[in-house]
Amino acid sequence: MDANPTTENRALGNGLPESVSSLRLKLNRKAVQEPKFRFYAWYDRIYRADVLAAAWERVRANKGAAGVDGVTIAQVQAEGVEALLGRLHAELRTHGYRPQAVRRVYIEKPDGRLRPLGIPTVADRVVQMAALLILEPVFEADFEDCSYGFRPGRNAHQALLEIRGHVQAGYQAVYDADLKSYFDSIPHQRLMACLRMRITDRSVLKLIRLWLQAPVVEPGRGEGEQASGKRASQGTPQGGVISPLACQAVSALVRPALSPRRGAGVLGESKAGALCQ
């Protein structure tokens, strides 16, 4: 580990076992030192026992509802976490893992519209979290310092403070961009192309593609009506553990327009802003 870790490095290791924290810091250091390096042997790290255990702890702490199988976090704990992690380890190691469908739920926005969420099963959330623990430190090295959405150790309040500082520095013209239905409309082909800029491990890319293509089960509309499911052709479920990182990777495409040479930029989860003098 670094003798004098930065705030970003501390965020990458917060709340994790020493072995997982050290692995993440090493991956981040490699990615920072070699911006063009493409990681080719990643898959076995995702199913490491310590990584899966750390992933489970984060999923448990996040709570969340059951997926299409109806299995809750409490049920997993009652039946034995070790059994679940052992099964996932074996399935991933032998390339037999297949994600289940995603359960669609809707929550009402303040304006009355409905926001669709996709809820993977608890088991699938654990595997996605394990992948996130390995992928996140690498892509963190590529994200601009002005990016705040869904990043470790960063939040919307910090973005507001940066905007306030830019305004006080004389940047008065504000350009605001909102990416409509961002999670639901990301083209899979473009997303995978963005990920391949850092990943060449085919097993990892296949794993991500399986999550993207998992069927989404819509709730029944009336009494006695069966839920229906269809395979997604674009987008990544808002509610999936890996989805925010995937969206961040694609949002990198807008960064040249927010270059400091043109002003000061601030990026959120699905929004971008530029402040100019």
C-alpha atoms as a PDB file:
ATOM      1  CA  MET A   1       0.000   0.000   0.000  1.00  0.00           C
ATOM      2  CA  ASP A   2       1.053   3.611  -0.481  1.00  0.00           C
ATOM      3  CA  ALA A   3       2.856   5.112   2.490  1.00  0.00           C
ATOM      4  CA  ASN A   4       0.925   8.357   2.015  1.00  0.00           C
ATOM      5  CA  PRO A   5      -2.322   7.411   0.278  1.00  0.00           C
ATOM      6  CA  THR A   6      -4.322  10.117  -1.459  1.00  0.00           C
ATOM      7  CA  THR A   7      -7.985  10.761  -0.734  1.00  0.00           C
ATOM      8  CA  GLU A   8      -8.888   8.812  -3.892  1.00  0.00           C
ATOM      9  CA  ASN A   9      -6.756   5.863  -2.807  1.00  0.00           C
ATOM     10  CA  ARG A  10      -8.331   5.831   0.649  1.00  0.00           C
ATOM     11  CA  ALA A  11     -11.766   5.807  -0.985  1.00  0.00           C
ATOM     12  CA  LEU A  12     -10.796   2.784  -3.094  1.00  0.00           C
ATOM     13  CA  GLY A  13      -9.832   0.863   0.036  1.00  0.00           C
ATOM     14  CA  ASN A  14     -12.484   2.021   2.486  1.00  0.00           C
ATOM     15  CA  GLY A  15     -14.238  -0.735   4.392  1.00  0.00           C
ATOM     16  CA  LEU A  16     -12.499  -3.562   2.541  1.00  0.00           C
ATOM     17  CA  PRO A  17     -10.234  -6.380   3.747  1.00  0.00           C
ATOM     18  CA  GLU A  18      -6.525  -5.637   3.457  1.00  0.00           C
ATOM     19  CA  SER A  19      -6.037  -8.146   0.635  1.00  0.00           C
ATOM     20  CA  VAL A  20      -8.818  -6.662  -1.509  1.00  0.00           C
ATOM     21  CA  SER A  21      -7.841  -3.070  -0.725  1.00  0.00           C
ATOM     22  CA  SER A  22      -4.228  -3.791  -1.680  1.00  0.00           C
ATOM     23  CA  LEU A  23      -5.310  -5.431  -4.943  1.00  0.00           C
ATOM     24  CA  ARG A  24      -7.470  -2.435  -5.877  1.00  0.00           C
ATOM     25  CA  LEU A  25      -4.678   0.020  -5.150  1.00  0.00           C
ATOM     26  CA  LYS A  26      -2.239  -2.000  -7.279  1.00  0.00           C
ATOM     27  CA  LEU A  27      -4.679  -2.092 -10.188  1.00  0.00           C
ATOM     28  CA  ASN A  28      -5.280   1.649  -9.895  1.00  0.00           C
ATOM     29  CA  ARG A  29      -1.561   2.395  -9.746  1.00  0.00           C
ATOM     30  CA  LYS A  30      -0.939   0.316 -12.876  1.00  0.00           C
ATOM     31  CA  ALA A  31      -3.783   2.067 -14.722  1.00  0.00           C
ATOM     32  CA  VAL A  32      -2.540   5.524 -13.707  1.00  0.00           C
ATOM     33  CA  GLN A  33       1.053   4.794 -14.704  1.00  0.00           C
ATOM     34  CA  GLU A  34       0.084   3.247 -18.049  1.00  0.00           C
ATOM     35  CA  PRO A  35      -3.001   5.046 -19.466  1.00  0.00           C
ATOM     36  CA  LYS A  36      -3.012   2.909 -22.619  1.00  0.00           C
ATOM     37  CA  PHE A  37      -2.537  -0.427 -20.876  1.00  0.00           C
ATOM     38  CA  ARG A  38      -5.298  -2.959 -21.530  1.00  0.00           C
ATOM     39  CA  PHE A  39      -5.791  -5.557 -18.808  1.00  0.00           C
ATOM     40  CA  TYR A  40      -5.774  -9.078 -20.194  1.00  0.00           C
ATOM     41  CA  ALA A  41      -5.865 -11.426 -17.161  1.00  0.00           C
ATOM     42  CA  TRP A  42      -8.607 -10.242 -14.825  1.00  0.00           C
ATOM     43  CA  TYR A  43     -11.270 -12.891 -14.656  1.00  0.00           C
ATOM     44  CA  ASP A  44      -9.756 -15.068 -11.914  1.00  0.00           C
ATOM     45  CA  ARG A  45      -9.594 -12.065  -9.586  1.00  0.00           C
ATOM     46  CA  ILE A  46     -13.377 -11.673  -9.731  1.00  0.00           C
ATOM     47  CA  TYR A  47     -14.008 -15.101  -8.203  1.00  0.00           C
ATOM     48  CA  ARG A  48     -11.276 -14.919  -5.578  1.00  0.00           C
ATOM     49  CA  ALA A  49     -12.724 -15.969  -2.225  1.00  0.00           C
ATOM     50  CA  ASP A  50     -11.757 -12.714  -0.503  1.00  0.00           C
ATOM     51  CA  VAL A  51     -13.223 -10.615  -3.336  1.00  0.00           C
ATOM     52  CA  LEU A  52     -16.529 -12.522  -3.307  1.00  0.00           C
ATOM     53  CA  ALA A  53     -16.700 -12.213   0.492  1.00  0.00           C
ATOM     54  CA  ALA A  54     -16.074  -8.453   0.306  1.00  0.00           C
ATOM     55  CA  ALA A  55     -18.691  -8.197  -2.459  1.00  0.00           C
ATOM     56  CA  TRP A  56     -21.256  -9.988  -0.287  1.00  0.00           C
ATOM     57  CA  GLU A  57     -20.603  -7.587   2.624  1.00  0.00           C
ATOM     58  CA  ARG A  58     -21.272  -4.595   0.393  1.00  0.00           C
ATOM     59  CA  VAL A  59     -24.435  -6.117  -1.066  1.00  0.00           C
ATOM     60  CA  ARG A  60     -25.645  -6.963   2.449  1.00  0.00           C
ATOM     61  CA  ALA A  61     -24.924  -3.421   3.657  1.00  0.00           C
ATOM     62  CA  ASN A  62     -26.785  -1.946   0.681  1.00  0.00           C
ATOM     63  CA  LYS A  63     -29.825  -4.090   1.580  1.00  0.00           C
ATOM     64  CA  GLY A  64     -32.211  -4.004  -1.372  1.00  0.00           C
ATOM     65  CA  ALA A  65     -35.133  -6.112  -2.485  1.00  0.00           C
ATOM     66  CA  ALA A  66     -35.236  -9.648  -3.838  1.00  0.00           C
ATOM     67  CA  GLY A  67     -34.894 -10.346  -7.546  1.00  0.00           C
ATOM     68  CA  VAL A  68     -37.038 -12.592  -9.750  1.00  0.00           C
ATOM     69  CA  ASP A  69     -36.197 -15.657  -7.633  1.00  0.00           C
ATOM     70  CA  GLY A  70     -37.703 -14.076  -4.521  1.00  0.00           C
ATOM     71  CA  VAL A  71     -34.583 -14.785  -2.444  1.00  0.00           C
ATOM     72  CA  THR A  72     -33.868 -12.031   0.081  1.00  0.00           C
ATOM     73  CA  ILE A  73     -30.640 -11.116   1.841  1.00  0.00           C
ATOM     74  CA  ALA A  74     -32.128 -12.435   5.081  1.00  0.00           C
ATOM     75  CA  GLN A  75     -32.795 -15.810   3.436  1.00  0.00           C
ATOM     76  CA  VAL A  76     -29.206 -16.029   2.195  1.00  0.00           C
ATOM     77  CA  GLN A  77     -27.980 -15.351   5.726  1.00  0.00           C
ATOM     78  CA  ALA A  78     -30.336 -17.936   7.193  1.00  0.00           C
ATOM     79  CA  GLU A  79     -29.323 -20.620   4.691  1.00  0.00           C
ATOM     80  CA  GLY A  80     -25.613 -19.839   4.945  1.00  0.00           C
ATOM     81  CA  VAL A  81     -23.595 -17.190   3.128  1.00  0.00           C
ATOM     82  CA  GLU A  82     -20.703 -19.604   2.639  1.00  0.00           C
ATOM     83  CA  ALA A  83     -22.926 -21.884   0.558  1.00  0.00           C
ATOM     84  CA  LEU A  84     -23.845 -19.034  -1.804  1.00  0.00           C
ATOM     85  CA  LEU A  85     -20.276 -17.780  -2.160  1.00  0.00           C
ATOM     86  CA  GLY A  86     -18.975 -21.317  -2.696  1.00  0.00           C
ATOM     87  CA  ARG A  87     -21.527 -21.914  -5.453  1.00  0.00           C
ATOM     88  CA  LEU A  88     -20.717 -18.618  -7.185  1.00  0.00           C
ATOM     89  CA  HIS A  89     -16.981 -19.310  -6.941  1.00  0.00           C
ATOM     90  CA  ALA A  90     -17.416 -22.717  -8.587  1.00  0.00           C
ATOM     91  CA  GLU A  91     -19.747 -21.415 -11.307  1.00  0.00           C
ATOM     92  CA  LEU A  92     -17.415 -18.537 -12.195  1.00  0.00           C
ATOM     93  CA  ARG A  93     -14.270 -20.680 -12.109  1.00  0.00           C
ATOM     94  CA  THR A  94     -15.781 -23.257 -14.478  1.00  0.00           C
ATOM     95  CA  HIS A  95     -17.457 -20.578 -16.647  1.00  0.00           C
ATOM     96  CA  GLY A  96     -20.845 -22.029 -15.779  1.00  0.00           C
ATOM     97  CA  TYR A  97     -22.281 -18.873 -14.236  1.00  0.00           C
ATOM     98  CA  ARG A  98     -25.370 -17.465 -15.932  1.00  0.00           C
ATOM     99  CA  PRO A  99     -27.270 -14.483 -14.509  1.00  0.00           C
ATOM    100  CA  GLN A 100     -30.992 -14.700 -13.951  1.00  0.00           C
ATOM    101  CA  ALA A 101     -33.495 -12.242 -15.362  1.00  0.00           C
ATOM    102  CA  VAL A 102     -33.814  -8.750 -13.900  1.00  0.00           C
ATOM    103  CA  ARG A 103     -36.999  -7.803 -12.052  1.00  0.00           C
ATOM    104  CA  ARG A 104     -38.517  -4.519 -13.257  1.00  0.00           C
ATOM    105  CA  VAL A 105     -40.027  -2.172 -10.703  1.00  0.00           C
ATOM    106  CA  TYR A 106     -41.187   1.418 -11.089  1.00  0.00           C
ATOM    107  CA  ILE A 107     -40.800   4.315  -8.666  1.00  0.00           C
ATOM    108  CA  GLU A 108     -42.600   7.602  -9.024  1.00  0.00           C
ATOM    109  CA  LYS A 109     -40.615  10.764  -9.723  1.00  0.00           C
ATOM    110  CA  PRO A 110     -41.558  14.139  -8.164  1.00  0.00           C
ATOM    111  CA  ASP A 111     -43.185  15.166 -11.449  1.00  0.00           C
ATOM    112  CA  GLY A 112     -45.411  12.080 -11.487  1.00  0.00           C
ATOM    113  CA  ARG A 113     -43.502  10.161 -14.158  1.00  0.00           C
ATOM    114  CA  LEU A 114     -42.261   6.657 -13.445  1.00  0.00           C
ATOM    115  CA  ARG A 115     -38.584   5.738 -13.272  1.00  0.00           C
ATOM    116  CA  PRO A 116     -37.870   2.125 -14.246  1.00  0.00           C
ATOM    117  CA  LEU A 117     -35.459   0.207 -12.029  1.00  0.00           C
ATOM    118  CA  GLY A 118     -33.979  -3.207 -12.694  1.00  0.00           C
ATOM    119  CA  ILE A 119     -33.401  -5.428  -9.654  1.00  0.00           C
ATOM    120  CA  PRO A 120     -30.985  -8.349 -10.177  1.00  0.00           C
ATOM    121  CA  THR A 121     -31.118 -11.313  -7.801  1.00  0.00           C
ATOM    122  CA  VAL A 122     -28.994 -11.159  -4.650  1.00  0.00           C
ATOM    123  CA  ALA A 123     -26.608 -13.738  -6.122  1.00  0.00           C
ATOM    124  CA  ASP A 124     -26.184 -11.718  -9.314  1.00  0.00           C
ATOM    125  CA  ARG A 125     -25.631  -8.554  -7.285  1.00  0.00           C
ATOM    126  CA  VAL A 126     -22.793 -10.288  -5.444  1.00  0.00           C
ATOM    127  CA  VAL A 127     -21.079 -11.256  -8.707  1.00  0.00           C
ATOM    128  CA  GLN A 128     -21.604  -7.782 -10.154  1.00  0.00           C
ATOM    129  CA  MET A 129     -20.140  -6.256  -6.998  1.00  0.00           C
ATOM    130  CA  ALA A 130     -17.125  -8.563  -7.229  1.00  0.00           C
ATOM    131  CA  ALA A 131     -16.584  -7.410 -10.810  1.00  0.00           C
ATOM    132  CA  LEU A 132     -17.001  -3.791  -9.737  1.00  0.00           C
ATOM    133  CA  LEU A 133     -14.345  -4.187  -7.049  1.00  0.00           C
ATOM    134  CA  ILE A 134     -11.869  -5.252  -9.748  1.00  0.00           C
ATOM    135  CA  LEU A 135     -12.893  -2.969 -12.621  1.00  0.00           C
ATOM    136  CA  GLU A 136     -13.552   0.233 -10.686  1.00  0.00           C
ATOM    137  CA  PRO A 137      -9.945   1.086  -9.693  1.00  0.00           C
ATOM    138  CA  VAL A 138      -8.813   0.792 -13.305  1.00  0.00           C
ATOM    139  CA  PHE A 139     -11.508   3.001 -14.816  1.00  0.00           C
ATOM    140  CA  GLU A 140     -11.125   5.449 -11.924  1.00  0.00           C
ATOM    141  CA  ALA A 141      -7.705   6.254 -13.367  1.00  0.00           C
ATOM    142  CA  ASP A 142      -9.353   7.451 -16.592  1.00  0.00           C
ATOM    143  CA  PHE A 143     -12.145   9.600 -15.175  1.00  0.00           C
ATOM    144  CA  GLU A 144     -11.722  13.362 -15.118  1.00  0.00           C
ATOM    145  CA  ASP A 145     -11.263  15.084 -11.777  1.00  0.00           C
ATOM    146  CA  CYS A 146     -14.461  17.058 -12.481  1.00  0.00           C
ATOM    147  CA  SER A 147     -16.543  13.850 -12.585  1.00  0.00           C
ATOM    148  CA  TYR A 148     -18.599  13.148  -9.451  1.00  0.00           C
ATOM    149  CA  GLY A 149     -21.391  10.710 -10.325  1.00  0.00           C
ATOM    150  CA  PHE A 150     -21.232   7.259  -8.699  1.00  0.00           C
ATOM    151  CA  ARG A 151     -17.552   7.447  -7.787  1.00  0.00           C
ATOM    152  CA  PRO A 152     -15.952   6.226  -4.547  1.00  0.00           C
ATOM    153  CA  GLY A 153     -15.445   9.043  -2.062  1.00  0.00           C
ATOM    154  CA  ARG A 154     -17.381  11.543  -4.191  1.00  0.00           C
ATOM    155  CA  ASN A 155     -20.901  12.937  -4.034  1.00  0.00           C
ATOM    156  CA  ALA A 156     -23.244  15.623  -5.348  1.00  0.00           C
ATOM    157  CA  HIS A 157     -22.416  18.022  -2.512  1.00  0.00           C
ATOM    158  CA  GLN A 158     -18.784  18.087  -3.636  1.00  0.00           C
ATOM    159  CA  ALA A 159     -19.905  18.833  -7.194  1.00  0.00           C
ATOM    160  CA  LEU A 160     -21.957  21.783  -5.943  1.00  0.00           C
ATOM    161  CA  LEU A 161     -18.950  23.119  -4.029  1.00  0.00           C
ATOM    162  CA  GLU A 162     -16.834  22.930  -7.197  1.00  0.00           C
ATOM    163  CA  ILE A 163     -19.509  24.767  -9.184  1.00  0.00           C
ATOM    164  CA  ARG A 164     -19.633  27.466  -6.512  1.00  0.00           C
ATOM    165  CA  GLY A 165     -15.858  27.840  -6.719  1.00  0.00           C
ATOM    166  CA  HIS A 166     -15.997  28.218 -10.510  1.00  0.00           C
ATOM    167  CA  VAL A 167     -18.706  30.881 -10.232  1.00  0.00           C
ATOM    168  CA  GLN A 168     -16.656  32.789  -7.670  1.00  0.00           C
ATOM    169  CA  ALA A 169     -13.659  32.543 -10.012  1.00  0.00           C
ATOM    170  CA  GLY A 170     -15.595  34.393 -12.711  1.00  0.00           C
ATOM    171  CA  TYR A 171     -17.133  31.601 -14.787  1.00  0.00           C
ATOM    172  CA  GLN A 172     -20.621  33.059 -15.285  1.00  0.00           C
ATOM    173  CA  ALA A 173     -21.944  31.469 -18.501  1.00  0.00           C
ATOM    174  CA  VAL A 174     -23.429  28.058 -17.717  1.00  0.00           C
ATOM    175  CA  TYR A 175     -24.166  25.321 -20.261  1.00  0.00           C
ATOM    176  CA  ASP A 176     -26.213  22.418 -18.926  1.00  0.00           C
ATOM    177  CA  ALA A 177     -26.676  19.042 -20.630  1.00  0.00           C
ATOM    178  CA  ASP A 178     -29.033  16.305 -19.455  1.00  0.00           C
ATOM    179  CA  LEU A 179     -28.659  12.836 -20.949  1.00  0.00           C
ATOM    180  CA  LYS A 180     -32.270  11.688 -21.286  1.00  0.00           C
ATOM    181  CA  SER A 181     -33.039   8.139 -20.103  1.00  0.00           C
ATOM    182  CA  TYR A 182     -29.310   7.603 -19.787  1.00  0.00           C
ATOM    183  CA  PHE A 183     -29.318   4.151 -18.206  1.00  0.00           C
ATOM    184  CA  ASP A 184     -32.057   2.852 -20.503  1.00  0.00           C
ATOM    185  CA  SER A 185     -30.674   4.089 -23.806  1.00  0.00           C
ATOM    186  CA  ILE A 186     -26.936   3.330 -23.768  1.00  0.00           C
ATOM    187  CA  PRO A 187     -26.095   1.333 -26.929  1.00  0.00           C
ATOM    188  CA  HIS A 188     -24.522  -1.979 -25.967  1.00  0.00           C
ATOM    189  CA  GLN A 189     -22.068  -1.880 -28.858  1.00  0.00           C
ATOM    190  CA  ARG A 190     -20.700   1.528 -27.858  1.00  0.00           C
ATOM    191  CA  LEU A 191     -20.555   0.548 -24.198  1.00  0.00           C
ATOM    192  CA  MET A 192     -18.556  -2.588 -24.944  1.00  0.00           C
ATOM    193  CA  ALA A 193     -16.221  -0.571 -27.179  1.00  0.00           C
ATOM    194  CA  CYS A 194     -15.553   1.797 -24.267  1.00  0.00           C
ATOM    195  CA  LEU A 195     -14.836  -1.097 -21.925  1.00  0.00           C
ATOM    196  CA  ARG A 196     -12.492  -2.743 -24.437  1.00  0.00           C
ATOM    197  CA  MET A 197     -10.279   0.330 -24.243  1.00  0.00           C
ATOM    198  CA  ARG A 198      -9.131  -1.074 -20.902  1.00  0.00           C
ATOM    199  CA  ILE A 199     -10.183  -4.746 -20.973  1.00  0.00           C
ATOM    200  CA  THR A 200      -9.039  -7.467 -23.321  1.00  0.00           C
ATOM    201  CA  ASP A 201      -9.952 -10.397 -21.059  1.00  0.00           C
ATOM    202  CA  ARG A 202     -12.689 -12.129 -23.062  1.00  0.00           C
ATOM    203  CA  SER A 203     -14.165 -13.830 -20.014  1.00  0.00           C
ATOM    204  CA  VAL A 204     -14.700 -10.488 -18.272  1.00  0.00           C
ATOM    205  CA  LEU A 205     -16.225  -8.949 -21.395  1.00  0.00           C
ATOM    206  CA  LYS A 206     -18.525 -11.962 -21.786  1.00  0.00           C
ATOM    207  CA  LEU A 207     -19.617 -11.624 -18.162  1.00  0.00           C
ATOM    208  CA  ILE A 208     -20.580  -7.984 -18.685  1.00  0.00           C
ATOM    209  CA  ARG A 209     -22.384  -8.826 -21.923  1.00  0.00           C
ATOM    210  CA  LEU A 210     -24.428 -11.488 -20.108  1.00  0.00           C
ATOM    211  CA  TRP A 211     -25.631  -8.861 -17.622  1.00  0.00           C
ATOM    212  CA  LEU A 212     -26.480  -6.413 -20.383  1.00  0.00           C
ATOM    213  CA  GLN A 213     -28.497  -9.009 -22.274  1.00  0.00           C
ATOM    214  CA  ALA A 214     -30.309 -10.492 -19.288  1.00  0.00           C
ATOM    215  CA  PRO A 215     -34.105 -10.516 -19.807  1.00  0.00           C
ATOM    216  CA  VAL A 216     -36.086  -7.865 -17.967  1.00  0.00           C
ATOM    217  CA  VAL A 217     -39.267  -9.180 -16.344  1.00  0.00           C
ATOM    218  CA  GLU A 218     -42.083  -6.633 -16.293  1.00  0.00           C
ATOM    219  CA  PRO A 219     -44.690  -6.873 -13.523  1.00  0.00           C
ATOM    220  CA  GLY A 220     -48.173  -8.074 -14.369  1.00  0.00           C
ATOM    221  CA  ARG A 221     -50.492  -5.181 -15.206  1.00  0.00           C
ATOM    222  CA  GLY A 222     -53.689  -6.586 -13.727  1.00  0.00           C
ATOM    223  CA  GLU A 223     -55.028  -9.116 -11.272  1.00  0.00           C
ATOM    224  CA  GLY A 224     -53.991 -12.614 -12.236  1.00  0.00           C
ATOM    225  CA  GLU A 225     -51.819 -11.417 -15.134  1.00  0.00           C
ATOM    226  CA  GLN A 226     -48.454 -13.139 -15.402  1.00  0.00           C
ATOM    227  CA  ALA A 227     -45.245 -11.115 -15.428  1.00  0.00           C
ATOM    228  CA  SER A 228     -43.617 -10.998 -18.842  1.00  0.00           C
ATOM    229  CA  GLY A 229     -39.939 -10.800 -19.773  1.00  0.00           C
ATOM    230  CA  LYS A 230     -37.891  -9.711 -22.760  1.00  0.00           C
ATOM    231  CA  ARG A 231     -34.211  -9.494 -23.556  1.00  0.00           C
ATOM    232  CA  ALA A 232     -32.739  -5.995 -23.462  1.00  0.00           C
ATOM    233  CA  SER A 233     -31.413  -4.621 -26.764  1.00  0.00           C
ATOM    234  CA  GLN A 234     -29.919  -1.476 -25.250  1.00  0.00           C
ATOM    235  CA  GLY A 235     -29.343   0.151 -21.888  1.00  0.00           C
ATOM    236  CA  THR A 236     -28.145  -1.182 -18.564  1.00  0.00           C
ATOM    237  CA  PRO A 237     -30.567  -1.675 -15.635  1.00  0.00           C
ATOM    238  CA  GLN A 238     -30.758   1.275 -13.264  1.00  0.00           C
ATOM    239  CA  GLY A 239     -30.464  -0.690 -10.058  1.00  0.00           C
ATOM    240  CA  GLY A 240     -27.755  -3.065 -11.232  1.00  0.00           C
ATOM    241  CA  VAL A 241     -24.494  -2.867  -9.280  1.00  0.00           C
ATOM    242  CA  ILE A 242     -22.287  -2.645 -12.375  1.00  0.00           C
ATOM    243  CA  SER A 243     -24.508  -0.146 -14.230  1.00  0.00           C
ATOM    244  CA  PRO A 244     -23.109   3.119 -12.798  1.00  0.00           C
ATOM    245  CA  LEU A 245     -19.540   2.210 -13.753  1.00  0.00           C
ATOM    246  CA  ALA A 246     -20.700   1.248 -17.249  1.00  0.00           C
ATOM    247  CA  CYS A 247     -22.448   4.604 -17.622  1.00  0.00           C
ATOM    248  CA  GLN A 248     -19.367   6.450 -16.409  1.00  0.00           C
ATOM    249  CA  ALA A 249     -17.248   4.696 -19.030  1.00  0.00           C
ATOM    250  CA  VAL A 250     -19.562   5.894 -21.795  1.00  0.00           C
ATOM    251  CA  SER A 251     -19.855   9.415 -20.367  1.00  0.00           C
ATOM    252  CA  ALA A 252     -16.130   9.810 -21.004  1.00  0.00           C
ATOM    253  CA  LEU A 253     -17.104  10.521 -24.607  1.00  0.00           C
ATOM    254  CA  VAL A 254     -18.439  13.966 -23.641  1.00  0.00           C
ATOM    255  CA  ARG A 255     -15.336  15.033 -21.741  1.00  0.00           C
ATOM    256  CA  PRO A 256     -13.512  16.742 -24.633  1.00  0.00           C
ATOM    257  CA  ALA A 257     -16.367  19.277 -24.791  1.00  0.00           C
ATOM    258  CA  LEU A 258     -15.776  20.091 -21.116  1.00  0.00           C
ATOM    259  CA  SER A 259     -12.021  20.484 -21.367  1.00  0.00           C
ATOM    260  CA  PRO A 260     -10.488  23.141 -19.094  1.00  0.00           C
ATOM    261  CA  ARG A 261      -9.267  24.862 -22.257  1.00  0.00           C
ATOM    262  CA  ARG A 262     -12.890  25.794 -22.946  1.00  0.00           C
ATOM    263  CA  GLY A 263     -13.876  26.521 -19.364  1.00  0.00           C
ATOM    264  CA  ALA A 264     -14.625  24.489 -16.274  1.00  0.00           C
ATOM    265  CA  GLY A 265     -16.611  21.272 -16.408  1.00  0.00           C
ATOM    266  CA  VAL A 266     -18.601  19.266 -13.871  1.00  0.00           C
ATOM    267  CA  LEU A 267     -19.986  15.812 -14.613  1.00  0.00           C
ATOM    268  CA  GLY A 268     -22.700  13.962 -12.695  1.00  0.00           C
ATOM    269  CA  GLU A 269     -24.327  10.567 -13.200  1.00  0.00           C
ATOM    270  CA  SER A 270     -26.374  11.604 -16.260  1.00  0.00           C
ATOM    271  CA  LYS A 271     -25.708  15.323 -16.423  1.00  0.00           C
ATOM    272  CA  ALA A 272     -22.874  17.504 -17.650  1.00  0.00           C
ATOM    273  CA  GLY A 273     -22.234  21.180 -17.118  1.00  0.00           C
ATOM    274  CA  ALA A 274     -19.703  23.652 -18.485  1.00  0.00           C
ATOM    275  CA  LEU A 275     -18.977  27.076 -17.012  1.00  0.00           C
ATOM    276  CA  CYS A 276     -17.273  29.666 -19.177  1.00  0.00           C
ATOM    277  CA  GLN A 277     -16.092  33.236 -18.760  1.00  0.00           C
END
